[in-house]
Amino acid sequence: MQAVDFRAGQNFGDAQPPVAAKAMAAKLARLLYRMLRYGMKYADQGAEFYDAQHRKQQVIHLKRKAAQLGLQIIEAAPAA
């Protein structure tokens, strides 16, 4: 098994670093700075909160994609 190196991407003409990793590092750096600077405490909001946020984002993206195709999404009432 070979170790993957960032320079290996240069073989394909793509020398860009992974964008998602840089974005996550920046987000964590801002969070850490605020915690240290202002004494803010980190509160884990739980998996249910993140699942709900993910679902909301999926619905938003789905509605946007449907609008691009000339369609309209109508949300159904949640099952009891």
C-alpha atoms as a PDB file:
ATOM      1  CA  MET A   1       0.000   0.000   0.000  1.00  0.00           C
ATOM      2  CA  GLN A   2       1.449   3.362  -0.988  1.00  0.00           C
ATOM      3  CA  ALA A   3       1.174   6.559   0.972  1.00  0.00           C
ATOM      4  CA  VAL A   4      -0.738   9.221  -0.920  1.00  0.00           C
ATOM      5  CA  ASP A   5       1.034  12.545  -1.107  1.00  0.00           C
ATOM      6  CA  PHE A   6      -0.368  15.947  -2.091  1.00  0.00           C
ATOM      7  CA  ARG A   7       2.285  16.157  -4.795  1.00  0.00           C
ATOM      8  CA  ALA A   8       0.819  13.041  -6.401  1.00  0.00           C
ATOM      9  CA  GLY A   9      -2.031  15.237  -7.692  1.00  0.00           C
ATOM     10  CA  GLN A  10       0.451  17.135  -9.839  1.00  0.00           C
ATOM     11  CA  ASN A  11       0.721  14.143 -12.128  1.00  0.00           C
ATOM     12  CA  PHE A  12      -2.808  14.880 -13.281  1.00  0.00           C
ATOM     13  CA  GLY A  13      -2.262  18.619 -13.632  1.00  0.00           C
ATOM     14  CA  ASP A  14      -4.294  19.427 -10.512  1.00  0.00           C
ATOM     15  CA  ALA A  15      -2.129  21.083  -7.869  1.00  0.00           C
ATOM     16  CA  GLN A  16      -5.079  22.418  -5.860  1.00  0.00           C
ATOM     17  CA  PRO A  17      -5.271  21.343  -2.193  1.00  0.00           C
ATOM     18  CA  PRO A  18      -8.492  19.681  -1.018  1.00  0.00           C
ATOM     19  CA  VAL A  19     -11.004  22.485  -0.505  1.00  0.00           C
ATOM     20  CA  ALA A  20     -13.182  20.720   2.069  1.00  0.00           C
ATOM     21  CA  ALA A  21     -10.222  20.009   4.338  1.00  0.00           C
ATOM     22  CA  LYS A  22      -9.140  23.651   4.249  1.00  0.00           C
ATOM     23  CA  ALA A  23     -12.690  24.817   4.945  1.00  0.00           C
ATOM     24  CA  MET A  24     -13.038  22.495   7.936  1.00  0.00           C
ATOM     25  CA  ALA A  25      -9.651  23.568   9.295  1.00  0.00           C
ATOM     26  CA  ALA A  26     -10.654  27.228   8.992  1.00  0.00           C
ATOM     27  CA  LYS A  27     -13.974  26.579  10.735  1.00  0.00           C
ATOM     28  CA  LEU A  28     -12.264  24.776  13.595  1.00  0.00           C
ATOM     29  CA  ALA A  29      -9.667  27.542  13.881  1.00  0.00           C
ATOM     30  CA  ARG A  30     -12.401  30.191  14.193  1.00  0.00           C
ATOM     31  CA  LEU A  31     -14.227  28.093  16.784  1.00  0.00           C
ATOM     32  CA  LEU A  32     -11.058  27.592  18.803  1.00  0.00           C
ATOM     33  CA  TYR A  33     -10.199  31.298  18.611  1.00  0.00           C
ATOM     34  CA  ARG A  34     -13.630  32.314  19.897  1.00  0.00           C
ATOM     35  CA  MET A  35     -13.433  29.764  22.696  1.00  0.00           C
ATOM     36  CA  LEU A  36     -10.027  31.023  23.812  1.00  0.00           C
ATOM     37  CA  ARG A  37     -10.642  34.733  23.224  1.00  0.00           C
ATOM     38  CA  TYR A  38     -14.117  35.092  24.694  1.00  0.00           C
ATOM     39  CA  GLY A  39     -14.281  32.084  27.013  1.00  0.00           C
ATOM     40  CA  MET A  40     -17.177  30.547  25.130  1.00  0.00           C
ATOM     41  CA  LYS A  41     -18.069  27.003  26.017  1.00  0.00           C
ATOM     42  CA  TYR A  42     -18.670  24.350  23.393  1.00  0.00           C
ATOM     43  CA  ALA A  43     -22.096  22.743  23.637  1.00  0.00           C
ATOM     44  CA  ASP A  44     -22.702  19.551  21.672  1.00  0.00           C
ATOM     45  CA  GLN A  45     -26.135  19.918  20.120  1.00  0.00           C
ATOM     46  CA  GLY A  46     -26.617  16.206  19.576  1.00  0.00           C
ATOM     47  CA  ALA A  47     -27.086  13.985  16.566  1.00  0.00           C
ATOM     48  CA  GLU A  48     -30.788  14.826  16.221  1.00  0.00           C
ATOM     49  CA  PHE A  49     -29.980  18.517  15.675  1.00  0.00           C
ATOM     50  CA  TYR A  50     -27.437  17.734  12.976  1.00  0.00           C
ATOM     51  CA  ASP A  51     -29.787  15.240  11.304  1.00  0.00           C
ATOM     52  CA  ALA A  52     -32.531  17.894  11.220  1.00  0.00           C
ATOM     53  CA  GLN A  53     -30.107  20.474   9.785  1.00  0.00           C
ATOM     54  CA  HIS A  54     -28.950  17.987   7.134  1.00  0.00           C
ATOM     55  CA  ARG A  55     -32.554  17.242   6.156  1.00  0.00           C
ATOM     56  CA  LYS A  56     -33.348  20.963   5.857  1.00  0.00           C
ATOM     57  CA  GLN A  57     -30.342  21.450   3.589  1.00  0.00           C
ATOM     58  CA  GLN A  58     -31.361  18.481   1.442  1.00  0.00           C
ATOM     59  CA  VAL A  59     -34.871  19.931   1.024  1.00  0.00           C
ATOM     60  CA  ILE A  60     -33.456  23.350   0.094  1.00  0.00           C
ATOM     61  CA  HIS A  61     -31.143  21.837  -2.517  1.00  0.00           C
ATOM     62  CA  LEU A  62     -33.902  19.624  -3.880  1.00  0.00           C
ATOM     63  CA  LYS A  63     -36.267  22.589  -4.245  1.00  0.00           C
ATOM     64  CA  ARG A  64     -33.548  24.603  -5.987  1.00  0.00           C
ATOM     65  CA  LYS A  65     -32.814  21.762  -8.406  1.00  0.00           C
ATOM     66  CA  ALA A  66     -36.534  21.255  -9.084  1.00  0.00           C
ATOM     67  CA  ALA A  67     -36.937  24.980  -9.802  1.00  0.00           C
ATOM     68  CA  GLN A  68     -34.091  24.791 -12.322  1.00  0.00           C
ATOM     69  CA  LEU A  69     -35.988  22.004 -14.067  1.00  0.00           C
ATOM     70  CA  GLY A  70     -39.263  23.951 -13.958  1.00  0.00           C
ATOM     71  CA  LEU A  71     -40.800  21.767 -11.257  1.00  0.00           C
ATOM     72  CA  GLN A  72     -42.201  22.531  -7.821  1.00  0.00           C
ATOM     73  CA  ILE A  73     -41.733  20.487  -4.648  1.00  0.00           C
ATOM     74  CA  ILE A  74     -44.623  20.261  -2.205  1.00  0.00           C
ATOM     75  CA  GLU A  75     -43.743  18.853   1.203  1.00  0.00           C
ATOM     76  CA  ALA A  76     -46.072  16.216   2.600  1.00  0.00           C
ATOM     77  CA  ALA A  77     -47.147  16.202   6.241  1.00  0.00           C
ATOM     78  CA  PRO A  78     -44.885  14.018   8.391  1.00  0.00           C
ATOM     79  CA  ALA A  79     -46.177  10.517   9.072  1.00  0.00           C
ATOM     80  CA  ALA A  80     -47.526  10.029  12.582  1.00  0.00           C
END
